[in-house]
Structures are given as structure tokens and as C-alpha cells.
PDB file of all heavy atoms in Angstrom:
ATOM      1  N   GLN A   1      -1.493  -2.115  32.915  1.00  0.00           N
ATOM      2  CA  GLN A   1      -2.217  -0.818  33.262  1.00  0.00           C
ATOM      3  C   GLN A   1      -3.249  -0.459  32.213  1.00  0.00           C
ATOM      4  O   GLN A   1      -3.973   0.537  32.284  1.00  0.00           O
ATOM      5  CB  GLN A   1      -1.251   0.392  33.256  1.00  0.00           C
ATOM      6  CG  GLN A   1      -0.310   0.319  34.533  1.00  0.00           C
ATOM      7  CD  GLN A   1       0.665   1.501  34.472  1.00  0.00           C
ATOM      8  OE1 GLN A   1       1.555   1.434  33.630  1.00  0.00           O
ATOM      9  NE2 GLN A   1       0.516   2.461  35.330  1.00  0.00           N
ATOM     10  N   ILE A   2      -3.430  -1.324  31.176  1.00  0.00           N
ATOM     11  CA  ILE A   2      -4.390  -1.058  30.166  1.00  0.00           C
ATOM     12  C   ILE A   2      -5.787  -0.959  30.753  1.00  0.00           C
ATOM     13  O   ILE A   2      -6.076  -1.583  31.728  1.00  0.00           O
ATOM     14  CB  ILE A   2      -4.322  -2.189  29.002  1.00  0.00           C
ATOM     15  CG1 ILE A   2      -5.214  -1.693  27.816  1.00  0.00           C
ATOM     16  CG2 ILE A   2      -4.840  -3.464  29.591  1.00  0.00           C
ATOM     17  CD1 ILE A   2      -4.738  -0.562  26.969  1.00  0.00           C
ATOM     18  N   SER A   3      -6.641  -0.081  30.189  1.00  0.00           N
ATOM     19  CA  SER A   3      -8.014   0.102  30.757  1.00  0.00           C
ATOM     20  C   SER A   3      -8.953   0.325  29.571  1.00  0.00           C
ATOM     21  O   SER A   3      -8.558   0.628  28.481  1.00  0.00           O
ATOM     22  CB  SER A   3      -8.036   1.336  31.591  1.00  0.00           C
ATOM     23  OG  SER A   3      -7.814   2.516  30.791  1.00  0.00           O
ATOM     24  N   PRO A   4     -10.253   0.101  29.891  1.00  0.00           N
ATOM     25  CA  PRO A   4     -11.298   0.332  28.753  1.00  0.00           C
ATOM     26  C   PRO A   4     -11.217   1.860  28.246  1.00  0.00           C
ATOM     27  O   PRO A   4     -11.344   2.129  27.176  1.00  0.00           O
ATOM     28  CB  PRO A   4     -12.633   0.067  29.455  1.00  0.00           C
ATOM     29  CG  PRO A   4     -12.370  -0.865  30.577  1.00  0.00           C
ATOM     30  CD  PRO A   4     -10.877  -0.520  31.118  1.00  0.00           C
ATOM     31  N   LYS A   5     -10.947   2.712  29.181  1.00  0.00           N
ATOM     32  CA  LYS A   5     -10.786   4.193  28.808  1.00  0.00           C
ATOM     33  C   LYS A   5      -9.727   4.411  27.793  1.00  0.00           C
ATOM     34  O   LYS A   5      -9.938   5.064  26.778  1.00  0.00           O
ATOM     35  CB  LYS A   5     -10.633   5.053  30.040  1.00  0.00           C
ATOM     36  CG  LYS A   5     -10.507   6.493  29.795  1.00  0.00           C
ATOM     37  CD  LYS A   5     -10.461   7.311  31.141  1.00  0.00           C
ATOM     38  CE  LYS A   5     -10.409   8.769  30.953  1.00  0.00           C
ATOM     39  NZ  LYS A   5      -9.238   9.282  30.316  1.00  0.00           N
ATOM     40  N   ILE A   6      -8.594   3.808  28.032  1.00  0.00           N
ATOM     41  CA  ILE A   6      -7.412   3.927  27.099  1.00  0.00           C
ATOM     42  C   ILE A   6      -7.818   3.374  25.713  1.00  0.00           C
ATOM     43  O   ILE A   6      -7.538   3.988  24.724  1.00  0.00           O
ATOM     44  CB  ILE A   6      -6.183   3.138  27.683  1.00  0.00           C
ATOM     45  CG1 ILE A   6      -5.682   3.967  28.859  1.00  0.00           C
ATOM     46  CG2 ILE A   6      -5.102   3.040  26.582  1.00  0.00           C
ATOM     47  CD1 ILE A   6      -4.583   3.192  29.659  1.00  0.00           C
ATOM     48  N   ILE A   7      -8.346   2.132  25.802  1.00  0.00           N
ATOM     49  CA  ILE A   7      -8.759   1.505  24.441  1.00  0.00           C
ATOM     50  C   ILE A   7      -9.747   2.330  23.732  1.00  0.00           C
ATOM     51  O   ILE A   7      -9.662   2.611  22.519  1.00  0.00           O
ATOM     52  CB  ILE A   7      -9.317   0.109  24.763  1.00  0.00           C
ATOM     53  CG1 ILE A   7      -8.303  -0.771  25.464  1.00  0.00           C
ATOM     54  CG2 ILE A   7      -9.880  -0.540  23.452  1.00  0.00           C
ATOM     55  CD1 ILE A   7      -8.851  -2.104  25.982  1.00  0.00           C
ATOM     56  N   ASN A   8     -10.807   2.831  24.400  1.00  0.00           N
ATOM     57  CA  ASN A   8     -11.814   3.689  23.816  1.00  0.00           C
ATOM     58  C   ASN A   8     -11.256   4.934  23.208  1.00  0.00           C
ATOM     59  O   ASN A   8     -11.579   5.337  22.056  1.00  0.00           O
ATOM     60  CB  ASN A   8     -13.008   3.974  24.771  1.00  0.00           C
ATOM     61  CG  ASN A   8     -13.742   2.747  25.072  1.00  0.00           C
ATOM     62  OD1 ASN A   8     -13.691   1.739  24.521  1.00  0.00           O
ATOM     63  ND2 ASN A   8     -14.606   2.791  26.228  1.00  0.00           N
ATOM     64  N   GLU A   9     -10.385   5.524  23.951  1.00  0.00           N
ATOM     65  CA  GLU A   9      -9.748   6.857  23.422  1.00  0.00           C
ATOM     66  C   GLU A   9      -8.857   6.591  22.226  1.00  0.00           C
ATOM     67  O   GLU A   9      -8.887   7.413  21.293  1.00  0.00           O
ATOM     68  CB  GLU A   9      -8.924   7.468  24.549  1.00  0.00           C
ATOM     69  CG  GLU A   9      -9.707   8.048  25.609  1.00  0.00           C
ATOM     70  CD  GLU A   9      -8.867   8.739  26.739  1.00  0.00           C
ATOM     71  OE1 GLU A   9      -7.585   8.645  26.691  1.00  0.00           O
ATOM     72  OE2 GLU A   9      -9.444   9.339  27.709  1.00  0.00           O
ATOM     73  N   ALA A  10      -8.215   5.496  22.273  1.00  0.00           N
ATOM     74  CA  ALA A  10      -7.270   5.195  21.121  1.00  0.00           C
ATOM     75  C   ALA A  10      -8.113   4.880  19.814  1.00  0.00           C
ATOM     76  O   ALA A  10      -7.814   5.280  18.767  1.00  0.00           O
ATOM     77  CB  ALA A  10      -6.370   4.051  21.479  1.00  0.00           C
ATOM     78  N   ILE A  11      -9.191   4.154  20.031  1.00  0.00           N
ATOM     79  CA  ILE A  11     -10.051   3.791  18.964  1.00  0.00           C
ATOM     80  C   ILE A  11     -10.680   5.024  18.358  1.00  0.00           C
ATOM     81  O   ILE A  11     -10.796   5.214  17.117  1.00  0.00           O
ATOM     82  CB  ILE A  11     -11.121   2.761  19.435  1.00  0.00           C
ATOM     83  CG1 ILE A  11     -10.590   1.388  19.595  1.00  0.00           C
ATOM     84  CG2 ILE A  11     -12.317   2.746  18.387  1.00  0.00           C
ATOM     85  CD1 ILE A  11     -11.503   0.415  20.134  1.00  0.00           C
ATOM     86  N   GLU A  12     -11.129   5.986  19.231  1.00  0.00           N
ATOM     87  CA  GLU A  12     -11.801   7.252  18.770  1.00  0.00           C
ATOM     88  C   GLU A  12     -10.880   7.998  17.909  1.00  0.00           C
ATOM     89  O   GLU A  12     -11.204   8.512  16.878  1.00  0.00           O
ATOM     90  CB  GLU A  12     -12.310   8.028  19.977  1.00  0.00           C
ATOM     91  CG  GLU A  12     -13.070   9.288  19.520  1.00  0.00           C
ATOM     92  CD  GLU A  12     -13.586  10.013  20.765  1.00  0.00           C
ATOM     93  OE1 GLU A  12     -13.285   9.611  21.874  1.00  0.00           O
ATOM     94  OE2 GLU A  12     -14.217  11.126  20.549  1.00  0.00           O
ATOM     95  N   ILE A  13      -9.508   8.165  18.393  1.00  0.00           N
ATOM     96  CA  ILE A  13      -8.582   8.893  17.671  1.00  0.00           C
ATOM     97  C   ILE A  13      -8.221   8.232  16.330  1.00  0.00           C
ATOM     98  O   ILE A  13      -8.165   8.858  15.221  1.00  0.00           O
ATOM     99  CB  ILE A  13      -7.248   9.059  18.496  1.00  0.00           C
ATOM    100  CG1 ILE A  13      -7.540   9.980  19.641  1.00  0.00           C
ATOM    101  CG2 ILE A  13      -6.134   9.640  17.627  1.00  0.00           C
ATOM    102  CD1 ILE A  13      -6.380   9.993  20.677  1.00  0.00           C
ATOM    103  N   PHE A  14      -8.148   6.997  16.380  1.00  0.00           N
ATOM    104  CA  PHE A  14      -7.812   6.166  15.139  1.00  0.00           C
ATOM    105  C   PHE A  14      -8.900   6.322  14.108  1.00  0.00           C
ATOM    106  O   PHE A  14      -8.623   6.581  12.907  1.00  0.00           O
ATOM    107  CB  PHE A  14      -7.574   4.727  15.540  1.00  0.00           C
ATOM    108  CG  PHE A  14      -7.219   3.781  14.405  1.00  0.00           C
ATOM    109  CD1 PHE A  14      -5.875   3.794  13.897  1.00  0.00           C
ATOM    110  CD2 PHE A  14      -8.076   3.032  13.775  1.00  0.00           C
ATOM    111  CE1 PHE A  14      -5.525   2.939  12.771  1.00  0.00           C
ATOM    112  CE2 PHE A  14      -7.739   2.169  12.658  1.00  0.00           C
ATOM    113  CZ  PHE A  14      -6.441   2.126  12.261  1.00  0.00           C
ATOM    114  N   GLU A  15     -10.067   6.117  14.544  1.00  0.00           N
ATOM    115  CA  GLU A  15     -11.168   6.135  13.496  1.00  0.00           C
ATOM    116  C   GLU A  15     -11.399   7.543  13.036  1.00  0.00           C
ATOM    117  O   GLU A  15     -11.870   7.775  11.787  1.00  0.00           O
ATOM    118  CB  GLU A  15     -12.548   5.550  14.175  1.00  0.00           C
ATOM    119  CG  GLU A  15     -12.454   4.100  14.451  1.00  0.00           C
ATOM    120  CD  GLU A  15     -13.706   3.534  14.697  1.00  0.00           C
ATOM    121  OE1 GLU A  15     -14.708   4.223  14.966  1.00  0.00           O
ATOM    122  OE2 GLU A  15     -13.851   2.283  14.777  1.00  0.00           O
ATOM    123  N   SER A  16     -11.066   8.608  13.825  1.00  0.00           N
ATOM    124  CA  SER A  16     -11.223   9.981  13.388  1.00  0.00           C
ATOM    125  C   SER A  16     -10.249  10.345  12.305  1.00  0.00           C
ATOM    126  O   SER A  16     -10.529  11.295  11.497  1.00  0.00           O
ATOM    127  CB  SER A  16     -11.150  10.993  14.486  1.00  0.00           C
ATOM    128  OG  SER A  16      -9.772  11.083  14.914  1.00  0.00           O
ATOM    129  N   ARG A  17      -9.193   9.588  12.191  1.00  0.00           N
ATOM    130  CA  ARG A  17      -8.104   9.965  11.129  1.00  0.00           C
ATOM    131  C   ARG A  17      -8.022   8.637  10.204  1.00  0.00           C
ATOM    132  O   ARG A  17      -6.998   8.533   9.545  1.00  0.00           O
ATOM    133  CB  ARG A  17      -6.794  10.183  11.862  1.00  0.00           C
ATOM    134  CG  ARG A  17      -6.811  11.326  12.791  1.00  0.00           C
ATOM    135  CD  ARG A  17      -6.720  12.659  12.114  1.00  0.00           C
ATOM    136  NE  ARG A  17      -5.445  12.770  11.357  1.00  0.00           N
ATOM    137  CZ  ARG A  17      -4.309  13.134  11.933  1.00  0.00           C
ATOM    138  NH1 ARG A  17      -4.218  13.446  13.226  1.00  0.00           N
ATOM    139  NH2 ARG A  17      -3.237  13.244  11.123  1.00  0.00           N
ATOM    140  N   TYR A  18      -9.014   7.821  10.186  1.00  0.00           N
ATOM    141  CA  TYR A  18      -8.871   6.517   9.519  1.00  0.00           C
ATOM    142  C   TYR A  18      -8.412   6.615   8.030  1.00  0.00           C
ATOM    143  O   TYR A  18      -7.613   5.834   7.708  1.00  0.00           O
ATOM    144  CB  TYR A  18     -10.272   5.796   9.633  1.00  0.00           C
ATOM    145  CG  TYR A  18     -10.180   4.377   9.181  1.00  0.00           C
ATOM    146  CD1 TYR A  18      -9.843   3.298  10.019  1.00  0.00           C
ATOM    147  CD2 TYR A  18     -10.473   3.958   7.830  1.00  0.00           C
ATOM    148  CE1 TYR A  18      -9.761   1.966   9.690  1.00  0.00           C
ATOM    149  CE2 TYR A  18     -10.487   2.631   7.448  1.00  0.00           C
ATOM    150  CZ  TYR A  18     -10.198   1.740   8.352  1.00  0.00           C
ATOM    151  OH  TYR A  18     -10.090   0.408   7.968  1.00  0.00           O
ATOM    152  N   ASN A  19      -8.921   7.524   7.304  1.00  0.00           N
ATOM    153  CA  ASN A  19      -8.616   7.556   5.876  1.00  0.00           C
ATOM    154  C   ASN A  19      -7.200   8.218   5.567  1.00  0.00           C
ATOM    155  O   ASN A  19      -6.700   8.116   4.517  1.00  0.00           O
ATOM    156  CB  ASN A  19      -9.632   8.399   5.158  1.00  0.00           C
ATOM    157  CG  ASN A  19     -11.050   7.708   5.128  1.00  0.00           C
ATOM    158  OD1 ASN A  19     -11.069   6.517   5.103  1.00  0.00           O
ATOM    159  ND2 ASN A  19     -12.061   8.611   5.200  1.00  0.00           N
ATOM    160  N   GLU A  20      -6.570   8.725   6.665  1.00  0.00           N
ATOM    161  CA  GLU A  20      -5.225   9.330   6.532  1.00  0.00           C
ATOM    162  C   GLU A  20      -4.070   8.429   6.889  1.00  0.00           C
ATOM    163  O   GLU A  20      -2.885   8.732   6.546  1.00  0.00           O
ATOM    164  CB  GLU A  20      -5.104  10.589   7.309  1.00  0.00           C
ATOM    165  CG  GLU A  20      -6.245  11.617   7.136  1.00  0.00           C
ATOM    166  CD  GLU A  20      -6.226  12.653   8.170  1.00  0.00           C
ATOM    167  OE1 GLU A  20      -5.056  13.113   8.590  1.00  0.00           O
ATOM    168  OE2 GLU A  20      -7.299  13.000   8.734  1.00  0.00           O
ATOM    169  N   ILE A  21      -4.316   7.414   7.683  1.00  0.00           N
ATOM    170  CA  ILE A  21      -3.303   6.710   8.305  1.00  0.00           C
ATOM    171  C   ILE A  21      -3.351   5.210   8.129  1.00  0.00           C
ATOM    172  O   ILE A  21      -4.318   4.573   7.642  1.00  0.00           O
ATOM    173  CB  ILE A  21      -3.347   6.966   9.802  1.00  0.00           C
ATOM    174  CG1 ILE A  21      -4.679   6.471  10.437  1.00  0.00           C
ATOM    175  CG2 ILE A  21      -3.048   8.398  10.101  1.00  0.00           C
ATOM    176  CD1 ILE A  21      -4.735   6.564  11.894  1.00  0.00           C
ATOM    177  N   ASP A  22      -2.350   4.483   8.475  1.00  0.00           N
ATOM    178  CA  ASP A  22      -2.218   2.999   8.336  1.00  0.00           C
ATOM    179  C   ASP A  22      -2.289   2.332   9.707  1.00  0.00           C
ATOM    180  O   ASP A  22      -2.619   1.162   9.943  1.00  0.00           O
ATOM    181  CB  ASP A  22      -0.982   2.536   7.646  1.00  0.00           C
ATOM    182  CG  ASP A  22      -0.854   3.021   6.256  1.00  0.00           C
ATOM    183  OD1 ASP A  22      -1.955   2.798   5.545  1.00  0.00           O
ATOM    184  OD2 ASP A  22       0.153   3.541   5.798  1.00  0.00           O
ATOM    185  N   SER A  23      -1.843   3.111  10.733  1.00  0.00           N
ATOM    186  CA  SER A  23      -1.808   2.516  12.088  1.00  0.00           C
ATOM    187  C   SER A  23      -1.648   3.575  13.241  1.00  0.00           C
ATOM    188  O   SER A  23      -1.521   4.768  12.841  1.00  0.00           O
ATOM    189  CB  SER A  23      -0.524   1.619  12.174  1.00  0.00           C
ATOM    190  OG  SER A  23       0.620   2.476  11.962  1.00  0.00           O
ATOM    191  N   LEU A  24      -1.769   3.147  14.375  1.00  0.00           N
ATOM    192  CA  LEU A  24      -1.523   4.034  15.499  1.00  0.00           C
ATOM    193  C   LEU A  24      -0.730   3.336  16.656  1.00  0.00           C
ATOM    194  O   LEU A  24      -0.776   2.098  16.704  1.00  0.00           O
ATOM    195  CB  LEU A  24      -2.908   4.344  16.234  1.00  0.00           C
ATOM    196  CG  LEU A  24      -3.049   5.115  17.493  1.00  0.00           C
ATOM    197  CD1 LEU A  24      -4.196   6.032  17.580  1.00  0.00           C
ATOM    198  CD2 LEU A  24      -3.004   4.153  18.725  1.00  0.00           C
ATOM    199  N   ARG A  25       0.074   4.071  17.326  1.00  0.00           N
ATOM    200  CA  ARG A  25       1.022   3.425  18.290  1.00  0.00           C
ATOM    201  C   ARG A  25       1.207   4.306  19.482  1.00  0.00           C
ATOM    202  O   ARG A  25       1.300   5.500  19.460  1.00  0.00           O
ATOM    203  CB  ARG A  25       2.400   3.215  17.669  1.00  0.00           C
ATOM    204  CG  ARG A  25       3.360   2.454  18.439  1.00  0.00           C
ATOM    205  CD  ARG A  25       4.534   1.781  17.728  1.00  0.00           C
ATOM    206  NE  ARG A  25       3.979   0.760  16.904  1.00  0.00           N
ATOM    207  CZ  ARG A  25       4.630  -0.427  16.608  1.00  0.00           C
ATOM    208  NH1 ARG A  25       5.875  -0.553  17.030  1.00  0.00           N
ATOM    209  NH2 ARG A  25       4.119  -1.363  15.863  1.00  0.00           N
ATOM    210  N   SER A  26       1.010   3.692  20.662  1.00  0.00           N
ATOM    211  CA  SER A  26       1.129   4.415  21.904  1.00  0.00           C
ATOM    212  C   SER A  26       2.581   4.736  22.262  1.00  0.00           C
ATOM    213  O   SER A  26       3.386   3.823  22.158  1.00  0.00           O
ATOM    214  CB  SER A  26       0.421   3.787  23.079  1.00  0.00           C
ATOM    215  OG  SER A  26       1.047   2.550  23.390  1.00  0.00           O
ATOM    216  N   VAL A  27       2.868   5.964  22.731  1.00  0.00           N
ATOM    217  CA  VAL A  27       4.256   6.358  23.051  1.00  0.00           C
ATOM    218  C   VAL A  27       4.260   7.160  24.258  1.00  0.00           C
ATOM    219  O   VAL A  27       3.188   7.729  24.654  1.00  0.00           O
ATOM    220  CB  VAL A  27       4.849   7.217  21.876  1.00  0.00           C
ATOM    221  CG1 VAL A  27       5.049   6.260  20.609  1.00  0.00           C
ATOM    222  CG2 VAL A  27       4.023   8.329  21.560  1.00  0.00           C
ATOM    223  N   VAL A  28       5.374   7.303  24.950  1.00  0.00           N
ATOM    224  CA  VAL A  28       5.668   8.178  26.024  1.00  0.00           C
ATOM    225  C   VAL A  28       6.883   9.068  25.713  1.00  0.00           C
ATOM    226  O   VAL A  28       7.775   8.655  25.006  1.00  0.00           O
ATOM    227  CB  VAL A  28       5.736   7.441  27.408  1.00  0.00           C
ATOM    228  CG1 VAL A  28       4.502   6.850  27.755  1.00  0.00           C
ATOM    229  CG2 VAL A  28       6.991   6.374  27.244  1.00  0.00           C
ATOM    230  N   LYS A  29       6.989  10.256  26.368  1.00  0.00           N
ATOM    231  CA  LYS A  29       8.162  11.017  26.097  1.00  0.00           C
ATOM    232  C   LYS A  29       9.382  10.325  26.773  1.00  0.00           C
ATOM    233  O   LYS A  29       9.281   9.655  27.783  1.00  0.00           O
ATOM    234  CB  LYS A  29       8.016  12.393  26.760  1.00  0.00           C
ATOM    235  CG  LYS A  29       7.184  13.421  26.102  1.00  0.00           C
ATOM    236  CD  LYS A  29       7.021  14.689  26.831  1.00  0.00           C
ATOM    237  CE  LYS A  29       6.209  15.727  26.120  1.00  0.00           C
ATOM    238  NZ  LYS A  29       6.221  16.985  26.858  1.00  0.00           N
ATOM    239  N   ILE A  30      10.519  10.581  26.204  1.00  0.00           N
ATOM    240  CA  ILE A  30      11.727  10.115  26.814  1.00  0.00           C
ATOM    241  C   ILE A  30      12.674  11.303  27.176  1.00  0.00           C
ATOM    242  O   ILE A  30      12.596  12.353  26.456  1.00  0.00           O
ATOM    243  CB  ILE A  30      12.553   9.098  25.891  1.00  0.00           C
ATOM    244  CG1 ILE A  30      12.961   9.702  24.555  1.00  0.00           C
ATOM    245  CG2 ILE A  30      11.820   7.806  25.792  1.00  0.00           C
ATOM    246  CD1 ILE A  30      13.858   8.882  23.771  1.00  0.00           C
ATOM    247  N   GLU A  31      13.371  11.153  28.238  1.00  0.00           N
ATOM    248  CA  GLU A  31      14.202  12.247  28.720  1.00  0.00           C
ATOM    249  C   GLU A  31      15.348  12.540  27.902  1.00  0.00           C
ATOM    250  O   GLU A  31      15.773  13.633  27.601  1.00  0.00           O
ATOM    251  CB  GLU A  31      14.556  11.941  30.159  1.00  0.00           C
ATOM    252  CG  GLU A  31      14.839  13.205  31.050  1.00  0.00           C
ATOM    253  CD  GLU A  31      15.127  12.895  32.414  1.00  0.00           C
ATOM    254  OE1 GLU A  31      14.248  12.215  33.110  1.00  0.00           O
ATOM    255  OE2 GLU A  31      16.219  13.148  32.959  1.00  0.00           O
ATOM    256  N   LYS A  32      16.104  11.485  27.493  1.00  0.00           N
ATOM    257  CA  LYS A  32      17.398  11.583  26.810  1.00  0.00           C
ATOM    258  C   LYS A  32      17.134  11.533  25.274  1.00  0.00           C
ATOM    259  O   LYS A  32      16.291  10.792  24.785  1.00  0.00           O
ATOM    260  CB  LYS A  32      18.339  10.449  27.166  1.00  0.00           C
ATOM    261  CG  LYS A  32      18.534  10.354  28.619  1.00  0.00           C
ATOM    262  CD  LYS A  32      19.325  11.537  29.177  1.00  0.00           C
ATOM    263  CE  LYS A  32      19.662  11.380  30.596  1.00  0.00           C
ATOM    264  NZ  LYS A  32      20.296  12.626  31.228  1.00  0.00           N
ATOM    265  N   SER A  33      17.787  12.347  24.567  1.00  0.00           N
ATOM    266  CA  SER A  33      17.554  12.400  23.180  1.00  0.00           C
ATOM    267  C   SER A  33      18.399  11.238  22.363  1.00  0.00           C
ATOM    268  O   SER A  33      19.520  10.971  22.722  1.00  0.00           O
ATOM    269  CB  SER A  33      18.166  13.681  22.514  1.00  0.00           C
ATOM    270  OG  SER A  33      18.071  13.716  21.199  1.00  0.00           O
ATOM    271  N   PRO A  34      17.837  10.572  21.353  1.00  0.00           N
ATOM    272  CA  PRO A  34      18.580   9.641  20.620  1.00  0.00           C
ATOM    273  C   PRO A  34      19.705  10.280  19.842  1.00  0.00           C
ATOM    274  O   PRO A  34      20.613   9.419  19.491  1.00  0.00           O
ATOM    275  CB  PRO A  34      17.485   9.053  19.705  1.00  0.00           C
ATOM    276  CG  PRO A  34      16.436  10.071  19.599  1.00  0.00           C
ATOM    277  CD  PRO A  34      16.383  10.737  21.021  1.00  0.00           C
ATOM    278  N   TYR A  35      19.649  11.497  19.680  1.00  0.00           N
ATOM    279  CA  TYR A  35      20.869  12.118  18.995  1.00  0.00           C
ATOM    280  C   TYR A  35      22.136  12.117  19.856  1.00  0.00           C
ATOM    281  O   TYR A  35      23.215  12.302  19.384  1.00  0.00           O
ATOM    282  CB  TYR A  35      20.543  13.612  18.677  1.00  0.00           C
ATOM    283  CG  TYR A  35      19.585  13.769  17.474  1.00  0.00           C
ATOM    284  CD1 TYR A  35      18.284  14.231  17.736  1.00  0.00           C
ATOM    285  CD2 TYR A  35      19.981  13.508  16.207  1.00  0.00           C
ATOM    286  CE1 TYR A  35      17.383  14.327  16.620  1.00  0.00           C
ATOM    287  CE2 TYR A  35      19.150  13.675  15.092  1.00  0.00           C
ATOM    288  CZ  TYR A  35      17.851  14.038  15.382  1.00  0.00           C
ATOM    289  OH  TYR A  35      16.942  14.199  14.319  1.00  0.00           O
TER     290      TYR A  35
END
């Protein structure tokens, strides 16, 4: 399901915080708590 739009959005977010972070990772909400 990857698309150019997803890639471009992730790059934009990553570069906007580049000096603060080491990496970026895509995630989705989960219904059940790991607790």
C-alpha cells in the first residue's frame, strides 16, 4: 500500500525534526493494551 504521498509526507516530517531525532517509524493504533 506504500505510495509516493506516504513517502513524501514521512520525509517532510523527518527532515522538519532532523536535528532532534535519530529515526522515524510508521505505526498504527492497536485496540488491545500491552499492559
